[in-house]
Amino acid sequence: MGEQINTKVIWQEGMHFSGTANSGFNIQLDAKKEVGGEGKGFLPMELMALSMAGCTAMDVVSILRKKRQEVTGFEVQVDAPRADEHPKVFTRATIEYLVTGHAVDEKAVRRAIELTAESYCPAQAMLGKVMPIDLRYKIFEEEGEGKRLVVEGAYAPEKAMA
């Protein structure tokens, strides 16, 4: 059996909770004002999308470092629309990787995205079982005070194409 993660939330007031896990860090959760919240923290579904972004981002930047890519900036954006009806689950997601650096190799970026999607990121693997996830990337060349888009593309897992 692998590592066990234990989490808990403790009610503060209204719909505001303080959450913690094995790592010992605290995070604030709350609901929207229209359902009794005060806007004092993340919405739980925001955290789910953020978890996937963080999980895949850590994998990709680590792989690009191992591939000796000169990355100077890196961002992962997740767009996850929700159903209109309860339980208002995510209906799909688009993960976009924005890689900035010097002569970053597109093949290295595609391979890093493939590895996180197919082998490493448990958050993406779990959510990918219940909704389609589109994977896109943009590679920028850093140029002094700015950056220039070099290439953009998408990665589609082979099993999804079958």
Protein backbone atom coordinates (compact mmCIF):
# COMPACT_ATOMS: atom_id res chain seq x y z
CA MET A 1 0.00 0.00 0.00
CA GLY A 2 1.27 3.47 -0.87
CA GLU A 3 1.42 6.62 1.18
CA GLN A 4 -1.75 7.53 3.03
CA ILE A 5 -2.96 11.11 2.91
CA ASN A 6 -5.01 12.35 5.83
CA THR A 7 -6.86 15.65 5.65
CA LYS A 8 -9.32 17.48 7.82
CA VAL A 9 -11.34 20.65 7.76
CA ILE A 10 -12.35 22.53 10.88
CA TRP A 11 -15.37 24.78 10.83
CA GLN A 12 -14.55 28.40 11.64
CA GLU A 13 -17.90 30.16 11.11
CA GLY A 14 -20.62 30.39 8.48
CA MET A 15 -19.29 28.34 5.54
CA HIS A 16 -15.63 29.11 6.35
CA PHE A 17 -13.36 26.15 7.14
CA SER A 18 -9.64 25.79 7.81
CA GLY A 19 -8.10 22.76 6.16
CA THR A 20 -4.91 20.88 6.85
CA ALA A 21 -3.22 17.67 5.75
CA ASN A 22 -0.13 15.55 6.49
CA SER A 23 2.18 18.38 5.39
CA GLY A 24 0.89 20.59 8.21
CA PHE A 25 0.05 23.59 6.03
CA ASN A 26 -3.27 25.37 6.45
CA ILE A 27 -5.59 26.51 3.69
CA GLN A 28 -8.81 28.45 3.96
CA LEU A 29 -12.02 27.26 2.30
CA ASP A 30 -15.29 29.09 1.96
CA ALA A 31 -18.39 29.26 -0.19
CA LYS A 32 -19.73 31.99 -2.45
CA LYS A 33 -21.69 34.76 -0.74
CA GLU A 34 -24.93 33.73 -2.46
CA VAL A 35 -24.85 30.40 -0.58
CA GLY A 36 -23.80 31.78 2.80
CA GLY A 37 -20.07 32.16 2.38
CA GLU A 38 -17.94 35.20 3.08
CA GLY A 39 -15.28 34.73 0.39
CA LYS A 40 -12.56 33.96 2.97
CA GLY A 41 -10.94 31.12 1.06
CA PHE A 42 -10.83 28.81 -1.92
CA LEU A 43 -13.94 27.07 -3.17
CA PRO A 44 -13.46 23.28 -2.89
CA MET A 45 -13.78 22.77 -6.68
CA GLU A 46 -11.16 25.47 -7.26
CA LEU A 47 -8.80 23.42 -5.12
CA MET A 48 -9.52 20.31 -7.17
CA ALA A 49 -8.53 22.09 -10.40
CA LEU A 50 -5.58 23.74 -8.64
CA SER A 51 -4.41 20.34 -7.40
CA MET A 52 -4.35 19.01 -10.95
CA ALA A 53 -2.49 22.11 -12.18
CA GLY A 54 0.10 21.84 -9.42
CA CYS A 55 0.56 18.10 -9.82
CA THR A 56 1.19 18.19 -13.57
CA ALA A 57 3.25 21.42 -13.32
CA MET A 58 5.69 19.84 -10.86
CA ASP A 59 6.12 16.83 -13.13
CA VAL A 60 6.66 18.82 -16.32
CA VAL A 61 9.12 21.33 -14.88
CA SER A 62 11.09 18.50 -13.24
CA ILE A 63 11.24 16.54 -16.51
CA LEU A 64 12.29 19.62 -18.49
CA ARG A 65 15.10 20.25 -15.99
CA LYS A 66 16.28 16.65 -16.37
CA LYS A 67 16.23 17.14 -20.14
CA ARG A 68 18.48 20.18 -19.58
CA GLN A 69 16.03 22.61 -21.11
CA GLU A 70 16.75 26.25 -20.29
CA VAL A 71 13.36 27.18 -18.83
CA THR A 72 13.14 30.70 -17.40
CA GLY A 73 9.38 30.84 -16.84
CA PHE A 74 6.67 28.23 -16.53
CA GLU A 75 2.93 28.38 -15.95
CA VAL A 76 0.11 25.87 -16.09
CA GLN A 77 -3.46 27.05 -16.59
CA VAL A 78 -6.50 24.82 -16.09
CA ASP A 79 -9.87 25.74 -17.55
CA ALA A 80 -12.55 23.42 -16.15
CA PRO A 81 -16.20 24.24 -16.93
CA ARG A 82 -18.83 22.77 -14.62
CA ALA A 83 -22.24 21.27 -15.27
CA ASP A 84 -25.25 23.57 -14.75
CA GLU A 85 -27.09 21.00 -12.65
CA HIS A 86 -26.12 19.56 -9.27
CA PRO A 87 -23.71 18.07 -8.39
CA LYS A 88 -22.09 20.55 -10.85
CA VAL A 89 -19.13 18.34 -11.67
CA PHE A 90 -16.42 19.36 -14.10
CA THR A 91 -17.56 18.44 -17.60
CA ARG A 92 -14.09 18.64 -19.17
CA ALA A 93 -10.77 20.39 -18.66
CA THR A 94 -8.12 22.04 -20.75
CA ILE A 95 -4.62 22.12 -19.33
CA GLU A 96 -2.33 24.62 -21.02
CA TYR A 97 1.41 24.62 -20.38
CA LEU A 98 3.16 27.96 -21.01
CA VAL A 99 6.90 27.40 -21.24
CA THR A 100 9.34 30.30 -21.58
CA GLY A 101 13.06 29.90 -22.04
CA HIS A 102 16.00 29.82 -24.42
CA ALA A 103 15.76 27.41 -27.37
CA VAL A 104 13.32 25.11 -25.54
CA ASP A 105 12.84 21.95 -27.61
CA GLU A 106 9.22 21.22 -28.55
CA LYS A 107 9.90 17.46 -28.48
CA ALA A 108 11.10 17.73 -24.87
CA VAL A 109 7.94 19.65 -23.91
CA ARG A 110 5.67 17.12 -25.65
CA ARG A 111 7.50 14.23 -23.96
CA ALA A 112 7.22 15.88 -20.54
CA ILE A 113 3.47 16.37 -21.08
CA GLU A 114 3.16 12.76 -22.22
CA LEU A 115 4.96 11.45 -19.14
CA THR A 116 2.87 13.47 -16.68
CA ALA A 117 -0.36 12.52 -18.46
CA GLU A 118 0.42 8.84 -18.93
CA SER A 119 2.58 7.94 -15.94
CA TYR A 120 3.14 10.44 -13.17
CA CYS A 121 0.34 12.85 -12.20
CA PRO A 122 -2.24 11.05 -10.02
CA ALA A 123 -4.62 14.04 -9.96
CA GLN A 124 -4.73 14.14 -13.76
CA ALA A 125 -5.06 10.35 -13.96
CA MET A 126 -8.03 10.32 -11.55
CA LEU A 127 -9.88 13.22 -13.13
CA GLY A 128 -9.11 11.91 -16.62
CA LYS A 129 -11.16 8.80 -15.83
CA VAL A 130 -14.34 10.86 -15.44
CA MET A 131 -13.93 13.68 -17.97
CA PRO A 132 -12.02 14.50 -21.13
CA ILE A 133 -8.84 16.52 -20.61
CA ASP A 134 -7.29 18.45 -23.49
CA LEU A 135 -3.56 19.14 -23.25
CA ARG A 136 -2.14 22.19 -24.99
CA TYR A 137 1.18 23.99 -24.87
CA LYS A 138 2.84 27.22 -25.95
CA ILE A 139 6.59 27.69 -26.04
CA PHE A 140 7.99 31.21 -25.83
CA GLU A 141 11.53 32.43 -26.50
CA GLU A 142 12.66 34.85 -23.81
CA GLU A 143 13.97 38.03 -25.40
CA GLY A 144 15.30 40.56 -22.92
CA GLU A 145 12.30 42.53 -21.68
CA GLY A 146 9.72 40.31 -23.36
CA LYS A 147 9.04 36.99 -24.97
CA ARG A 148 8.04 35.76 -28.42
CA LEU A 149 5.71 32.84 -29.16
CA VAL A 150 7.72 30.19 -30.98
CA VAL A 151 5.26 27.32 -31.28
CA GLU A 152 1.95 26.12 -29.92
CA GLY A 153 0.45 22.67 -30.11
CA ALA A 154 -1.52 19.95 -28.41
CA TYR A 155 -0.77 16.52 -27.05
CA ALA A 156 -3.33 13.75 -27.44
CA PRO A 157 -2.70 10.40 -25.73
CA GLU A 158 -2.71 7.47 -28.15
CA LYS A 159 -5.32 5.56 -26.12
CA ALA A 160 -7.69 8.53 -26.38
CA MET A 161 -7.33 8.50 -30.15
CA ALA A 162 -8.25 4.82 -30.55
